[in-house]
């Protein structure tokens, strides 16, 4: 009789970092608001890159 055990795999730790670090911006001018908006946009882009990396990792690992 053959017993099959599942092997649980997780993506590398660098792909599982939080997308938005807890950082508070002091927004008191329009320029501050624009700077904050640009920062948020870059954080979202980094998050999207991590998601794509996880998808690629899953495809290569055969764990989809």
PDB file of N, CA and C in Angstrom:
ATOM      1  N   UNK A   1       0.847  -1.171   0.000  1.00  0.00           N
ATOM      2  CA  UNK A   1       0.000   0.000   0.000  1.00  0.00           C
ATOM      3  C   UNK A   1       0.899   1.243   0.000  1.00  0.00           C
ATOM      4  N   UNK A   2       0.518   2.221  -0.797  1.00  0.00           N
ATOM      5  CA  UNK A   2       1.257   3.475  -0.895  1.00  0.00           C
ATOM      6  C   UNK A   2       0.476   4.567  -0.192  1.00  0.00           C
ATOM      7  N   UNK A   3       1.162   5.284   0.671  1.00  0.00           N
ATOM      8  CA  UNK A   3       0.525   6.409   1.367  1.00  0.00           C
ATOM      9  C   UNK A   3       1.114   7.692   0.798  1.00  0.00           C
ATOM     10  N   UNK A   4       0.237   8.555   0.342  1.00  0.00           N
ATOM     11  CA  UNK A   4       0.664   9.832  -0.229  1.00  0.00           C
ATOM     12  C   UNK A   4       0.457  10.920   0.808  1.00  0.00           C
ATOM     13  N   UNK A   5       1.517  11.680   1.059  1.00  0.00           N
ATOM     14  CA  UNK A   5       1.426  12.794   1.990  1.00  0.00           C
ATOM     15  C   UNK A   5       1.577  14.092   1.208  1.00  0.00           C
ATOM     16  N   UNK A   6       0.720  15.064   1.493  1.00  0.00           N
ATOM     17  CA  UNK A   6       0.872  16.349   0.799  1.00  0.00           C
ATOM     18  C   UNK A   6       2.123  17.075   1.292  1.00  0.00           C
ATOM     19  N   UNK A   7       2.745  17.783   0.395  1.00  0.00           N
ATOM     20  CA  UNK A   7       3.893  18.618   0.739  1.00  0.00           C
ATOM     21  C   UNK A   7       3.435  20.061   0.595  1.00  0.00           C
ATOM     22  N   UNK A   8       3.422  20.759   1.709  1.00  0.00           N
ATOM     23  CA  UNK A   8       2.981  22.144   1.691  1.00  0.00           C
ATOM     24  C   UNK A   8       4.178  23.050   1.447  1.00  0.00           C
ATOM     25  N   UNK A   9       4.027  23.904   0.452  1.00  0.00           N
ATOM     26  CA  UNK A   9       5.102  24.814   0.099  1.00  0.00           C
ATOM     27  C   UNK A   9       4.583  26.244   0.226  1.00  0.00           C
ATOM     28  N   UNK A  10       5.464  27.116   0.627  1.00  0.00           N
ATOM     29  CA  UNK A  10       5.100  28.533   0.675  1.00  0.00           C
ATOM     30  C   UNK A  10       6.101  29.323  -0.154  1.00  0.00           C
ATOM     31  N   UNK A  11       5.664  30.444  -0.682  1.00  0.00           N
ATOM     32  CA  UNK A  11       6.580  31.292  -1.455  1.00  0.00           C
ATOM     33  C   UNK A  11       7.717  31.782  -0.576  1.00  0.00           C
ATOM     34  N   UNK A  12       8.811  32.206  -1.187  1.00  0.00           N
ATOM     35  CA  UNK A  12       9.916  32.787  -0.411  1.00  0.00           C
ATOM     36  C   UNK A  12       9.440  33.985   0.414  1.00  0.00           C
ATOM     37  N   UNK A  13      10.058  34.166   1.560  1.00  0.00           N
ATOM     38  CA  UNK A  13       9.629  35.205   2.510  1.00  0.00           C
ATOM     39  C   UNK A  13       9.606  36.609   1.908  1.00  0.00           C
ATOM     40  N   UNK A  14      10.548  36.918   1.008  1.00  0.00           N
ATOM     41  CA  UNK A  14      10.571  38.270   0.448  1.00  0.00           C
ATOM     42  C   UNK A  14       9.344  38.566  -0.406  1.00  0.00           C
ATOM     43  N   UNK A  15       8.645  37.528  -0.850  1.00  0.00           N
ATOM     44  CA  UNK A  15       7.418  37.734  -1.627  1.00  0.00           C
ATOM     45  C   UNK A  15       6.200  37.923  -0.723  1.00  0.00           C
ATOM     46  N   UNK A  16       6.346  37.682   0.560  1.00  0.00           N
ATOM     47  CA  UNK A  16       5.210  37.733   1.478  1.00  0.00           C
ATOM     48  C   UNK A  16       5.230  38.952   2.397  1.00  0.00           C
ATOM     49  N   UNK A  17       6.048  39.921   2.074  1.00  0.00           N
ATOM     50  CA  UNK A  17       6.105  41.132   2.883  1.00  0.00           C
ATOM     51  C   UNK A  17       4.823  41.934   2.712  1.00  0.00           C
ATOM     52  N   UNK A  18       4.510  42.695   3.729  1.00  0.00           N
ATOM     53  CA  UNK A  18       3.337  43.552   3.682  1.00  0.00           C
ATOM     54  C   UNK A  18       3.468  44.550   2.535  1.00  0.00           C
ATOM     55  N   UNK A  19       2.363  44.829   1.871  1.00  0.00           N
ATOM     56  CA  UNK A  19       2.394  45.764   0.745  1.00  0.00           C
ATOM     57  C   UNK A  19       2.511  47.209   1.195  1.00  0.00           C
ATOM     58  N   UNK A  20       1.876  47.563   2.257  1.00  0.00           N
ATOM     59  CA  UNK A  20       1.927  48.946   2.720  1.00  0.00           C
ATOM     60  C   UNK A  20       2.498  48.993   4.131  1.00  0.00           C
ATOM     61  N   UNK A  21       3.741  49.448   4.273  1.00  0.00           N
ATOM     62  CA  UNK A  21       4.281  49.599   5.630  1.00  0.00           C
ATOM     63  C   UNK A  21       3.475  50.650   6.384  1.00  0.00           C
ATOM     64  N   UNK A  22       3.383  50.482   7.671  1.00  0.00           N
ATOM     65  CA  UNK A  22       2.635  51.442   8.469  1.00  0.00           C
ATOM     66  C   UNK A  22       3.455  52.708   8.635  1.00  0.00           C
ATOM     67  N   UNK A  23       3.211  53.650   7.765  1.00  0.00           N
ATOM     68  CA  UNK A  23       3.913  54.923   7.787  1.00  0.00           C
ATOM     69  C   UNK A  23       2.866  56.029   7.744  1.00  0.00           C
ATOM     70  N   UNK A  24       3.023  56.990   8.590  1.00  0.00           N
ATOM     71  CA  UNK A  24       2.083  58.109   8.619  1.00  0.00           C
ATOM     72  C   UNK A  24       2.732  59.329   7.986  1.00  0.00           C
ATOM     73  N   UNK A  25       2.032  59.915   7.063  1.00  0.00           N
ATOM     74  CA  UNK A  25       2.512  61.125   6.405  1.00  0.00           C
ATOM     75  C   UNK A  25       1.802  62.332   7.016  1.00  0.00           C
ATOM     76  N   UNK A  26       2.555  63.389   7.171  1.00  0.00           N
ATOM     77  CA  UNK A  26       1.977  64.643   7.611  1.00  0.00           C
ATOM     78  C   UNK A  26       1.623  65.433   6.358  1.00  0.00           C
ATOM     79  N   UNK A  27       0.361  65.398   5.993  1.00  0.00           N
ATOM     80  CA  UNK A  27      -0.103  66.062   4.770  1.00  0.00           C
ATOM     81  C   UNK A  27      -0.762  67.380   5.164  1.00  0.00           C
ATOM     82  N   UNK A  28      -0.062  68.489   4.859  1.00  0.00           N
ATOM     83  CA  UNK A  28      -0.614  69.792   5.213  1.00  0.00           C
ATOM     84  C   UNK A  28      -0.684  70.749   4.026  1.00  0.00           C
ATOM     85  N   UNK A  29      -0.088  70.344   2.891  1.00  0.00           N
ATOM     86  CA  UNK A  29      -0.143  71.198   1.702  1.00  0.00           C
ATOM     87  C   UNK A  29      -0.526  70.346   0.499  1.00  0.00           C
ATOM     88  N   UNK A  30      -0.834  71.005  -0.590  1.00  0.00           N
ATOM     89  CA  UNK A  30      -1.138  70.275  -1.823  1.00  0.00           C
ATOM     90  C   UNK A  30       0.070  69.472  -2.286  1.00  0.00           C
ATOM     91  N   UNK A  31       1.257  70.036  -2.127  1.00  0.00           N
ATOM     92  CA  UNK A  31       2.477  69.329  -2.522  1.00  0.00           C
ATOM     93  C   UNK A  31       2.651  68.053  -1.687  1.00  0.00           C
ATOM     94  N   UNK A  32       2.343  68.138  -0.375  1.00  0.00           N
ATOM     95  CA  UNK A  32       2.400  66.957   0.488  1.00  0.00           C
ATOM     96  C   UNK A  32       1.413  65.897   0.012  1.00  0.00           C
ATOM     97  N   UNK A  33       0.241  66.348  -0.372  1.00  0.00           N
ATOM     98  CA  UNK A  33      -0.799  65.434  -0.845  1.00  0.00           C
ATOM     99  C   UNK A  33      -0.354  64.709  -2.123  1.00  0.00           C
ATOM    100  N   UNK A  34       0.250  65.444  -3.033  1.00  0.00           N
ATOM    101  CA  UNK A  34       0.746  64.848  -4.277  1.00  0.00           C
ATOM    102  C   UNK A  34       1.871  63.862  -3.975  1.00  0.00           C
ATOM    103  N   UNK A  35       2.769  64.236  -3.089  1.00  0.00           N
ATOM    104  CA  UNK A  35       3.869  63.356  -2.702  1.00  0.00           C
ATOM    105  C   UNK A  35       3.333  62.068  -2.082  1.00  0.00           C
ATOM    106  N   UNK A  36       2.356  62.203  -1.210  1.00  0.00           N
ATOM    107  CA  UNK A  36       1.737  61.036  -0.571  1.00  0.00           C
ATOM    108  C   UNK A  36       1.049  60.154  -1.604  1.00  0.00           C
ATOM    109  N   UNK A  37       0.355  60.761  -2.531  1.00  0.00           N
ATOM    110  CA  UNK A  37      -0.318  60.017  -3.597  1.00  0.00           C
ATOM    111  C   UNK A  37       0.694  59.240  -4.437  1.00  0.00           C
ATOM    112  N   UNK A  38       1.798  59.888  -4.775  1.00  0.00           N
ATOM    113  CA  UNK A  38       2.850  59.207  -5.545  1.00  0.00           C
ATOM    114  C   UNK A  38       3.442  58.046  -4.768  1.00  0.00           C
ATOM    115  N   UNK A  39       3.637  58.225  -3.462  1.00  0.00           N
ATOM    116  CA  UNK A  39       4.169  57.159  -2.617  1.00  0.00           C
ATOM    117  C   UNK A  39       3.210  55.973  -2.584  1.00  0.00           C
ATOM    118  N   UNK A  40       1.913  56.270  -2.403  1.00  0.00           N
ATOM    119  CA  UNK A  40       0.914  55.192  -2.381  1.00  0.00           C
ATOM    120  C   UNK A  40       0.895  54.436  -3.706  1.00  0.00           C
ATOM    121  N   UNK A  41       0.996  55.158  -4.802  1.00  0.00           N
ATOM    122  CA  UNK A  41       1.016  54.516  -6.116  1.00  0.00           C
ATOM    123  C   UNK A  41       2.222  53.591  -6.246  1.00  0.00           C
ATOM    124  N   UNK A  42       3.377  54.022  -5.776  1.00  0.00           N
ATOM    125  CA  UNK A  42       4.559  53.163  -5.859  1.00  0.00           C
ATOM    126  C   UNK A  42       4.406  51.932  -4.966  1.00  0.00           C
ATOM    127  N   UNK A  43       3.753  52.076  -3.811  1.00  0.00           N
ATOM    128  CA  UNK A  43       3.509  50.925  -2.934  1.00  0.00           C
ATOM    129  C   UNK A  43       2.578  49.916  -3.609  1.00  0.00           C
ATOM    130  N   UNK A  44       1.572  50.412  -4.307  1.00  0.00           N
ATOM    131  CA  UNK A  44       0.655  49.521  -5.027  1.00  0.00           C
ATOM    132  C   UNK A  44       1.374  48.796  -6.162  1.00  0.00           C
ATOM    133  N   UNK A  45       2.275  49.482  -6.839  1.00  0.00           N
ATOM    134  CA  UNK A  45       3.051  48.851  -7.904  1.00  0.00           C
ATOM    135  C   UNK A  45       3.943  47.754  -7.339  1.00  0.00           C
ATOM    136  N   UNK A  46       4.564  48.016  -6.192  1.00  0.00           N
ATOM    137  CA  UNK A  46       5.396  46.993  -5.557  1.00  0.00           C
ATOM    138  C   UNK A  46       4.559  45.786  -5.148  1.00  0.00           C
ATOM    139  N   UNK A  47       3.373  46.034  -4.645  1.00  0.00           N
ATOM    140  CA  UNK A  47       2.473  44.952  -4.245  1.00  0.00           C
ATOM    141  C   UNK A  47       2.096  44.113  -5.465  1.00  0.00           C
ATOM    142  N   UNK A  48       1.788  44.770  -6.562  1.00  0.00           N
ATOM    143  CA  UNK A  48       1.443  44.059  -7.795  1.00  0.00           C
ATOM    144  C   UNK A  48       2.621  43.211  -8.282  1.00  0.00           C
ATOM    145  N   UNK A  49       3.831  43.740  -8.165  1.00  0.00           N
ATOM    146  CA  UNK A  49       5.019  42.974  -8.557  1.00  0.00           C
ATOM    147  C   UNK A  49       5.183  41.740  -7.684  1.00  0.00           C
ATOM    148  N   UNK A  50       4.913  41.866  -6.390  1.00  0.00           N
ATOM    149  CA  UNK A  50       4.999  40.709  -5.492  1.00  0.00           C
ATOM    150  C   UNK A  50       3.956  39.658  -5.857  1.00  0.00           C
ATOM    151  N   UNK A  51       2.756  40.106  -6.177  1.00  0.00           N
ATOM    152  CA  UNK A  51       1.699  39.164  -6.572  1.00  0.00           C
ATOM    153  C   UNK A  51       2.108  38.419  -7.836  1.00  0.00           C
ATOM    154  N   UNK A  52       2.656  39.138  -8.798  1.00  0.00           N
ATOM    155  CA  UNK A  52       3.111  38.488 -10.027  1.00  0.00           C
ATOM    156  C   UNK A  52       4.254  37.520  -9.740  1.00  0.00           C
ATOM    157  N   UNK A  53       5.154  37.881  -8.830  1.00  0.00           N
ATOM    158  CA  UNK A  53       6.246  36.981  -8.455  1.00  0.00           C
ATOM    159  C   UNK A  53       5.718  35.703  -7.826  1.00  0.00           C
ATOM    160  N   UNK A  54       4.696  35.833  -6.985  1.00  0.00           N
ATOM    161  CA  UNK A  54       4.101  34.656  -6.351  1.00  0.00           C
ATOM    162  C   UNK A  54       3.435  33.773  -7.400  1.00  0.00           C
ATOM    163  N   UNK A  55       2.758  34.386  -8.358  1.00  0.00           N
ATOM    164  CA  UNK A  55       2.128  33.602  -9.430  1.00  0.00           C
ATOM    165  C   UNK A  55       3.176  32.841 -10.238  1.00  0.00           C
ATOM    166  N   UNK A  56       4.287  33.507 -10.554  1.00  0.00           N
ATOM    167  CA  UNK A  56       5.363  32.848 -11.299  1.00  0.00           C
ATOM    168  C   UNK A  56       5.973  31.728 -10.470  1.00  0.00           C
ATOM    169  N   UNK A  57       6.193  31.985  -9.187  1.00  0.00           N
ATOM    170  CA  UNK A  57       6.752  30.970  -8.311  1.00  0.00           C
ATOM    171  C   UNK A  57       5.828  29.749  -8.260  1.00  0.00           C
ATOM    172  N   UNK A  58       4.519  30.008  -8.116  1.00  0.00           N
ATOM    173  CA  UNK A  58       3.554  28.915  -8.051  1.00  0.00           C
ATOM    174  C   UNK A  58       3.556  28.097  -9.346  1.00  0.00           C
ATOM    175  N   UNK A  59       3.642  28.775 -10.486  1.00  0.00           N
ATOM    176  CA  UNK A  59       3.644  28.076 -11.762  1.00  0.00           C
ATOM    177  C   UNK A  59       4.908  27.208 -11.888  1.00  0.00           C
ATOM    178  N   UNK A  60       6.043  27.730 -11.461  1.00  0.00           N
ATOM    179  CA  UNK A  60       7.296  26.988 -11.543  1.00  0.00           C
ATOM    180  C   UNK A  60       7.346  25.840 -10.543  1.00  0.00           C
ATOM    181  N   UNK A  61       6.657  26.015  -9.401  1.00  0.00           N
ATOM    182  CA  UNK A  61       6.673  24.995  -8.363  1.00  0.00           C
ATOM    183  C   UNK A  61       5.594  23.945  -8.574  1.00  0.00           C
ATOM    184  N   UNK A  62       4.701  24.215  -9.520  1.00  0.00           N
ATOM    185  CA  UNK A  62       3.618  23.274  -9.780  1.00  0.00           C
ATOM    186  C   UNK A  62       2.589  23.237  -8.667  1.00  0.00           C
ATOM    187  N   UNK A  63       2.454  24.344  -7.952  1.00  0.00           N
ATOM    188  CA  UNK A  63       1.518  24.357  -6.804  1.00  0.00           C
ATOM    189  C   UNK A  63       0.297  25.214  -7.054  1.00  0.00           C
ATOM    190  N   UNK A  64      -0.081  25.392  -8.311  1.00  0.00           N
ATOM    191  CA  UNK A  64      -1.288  26.169  -8.588  1.00  0.00           C
ATOM    192  C   UNK A  64      -2.497  25.281  -8.520  1.00  0.00           C
TER     193      UNK A  64
END
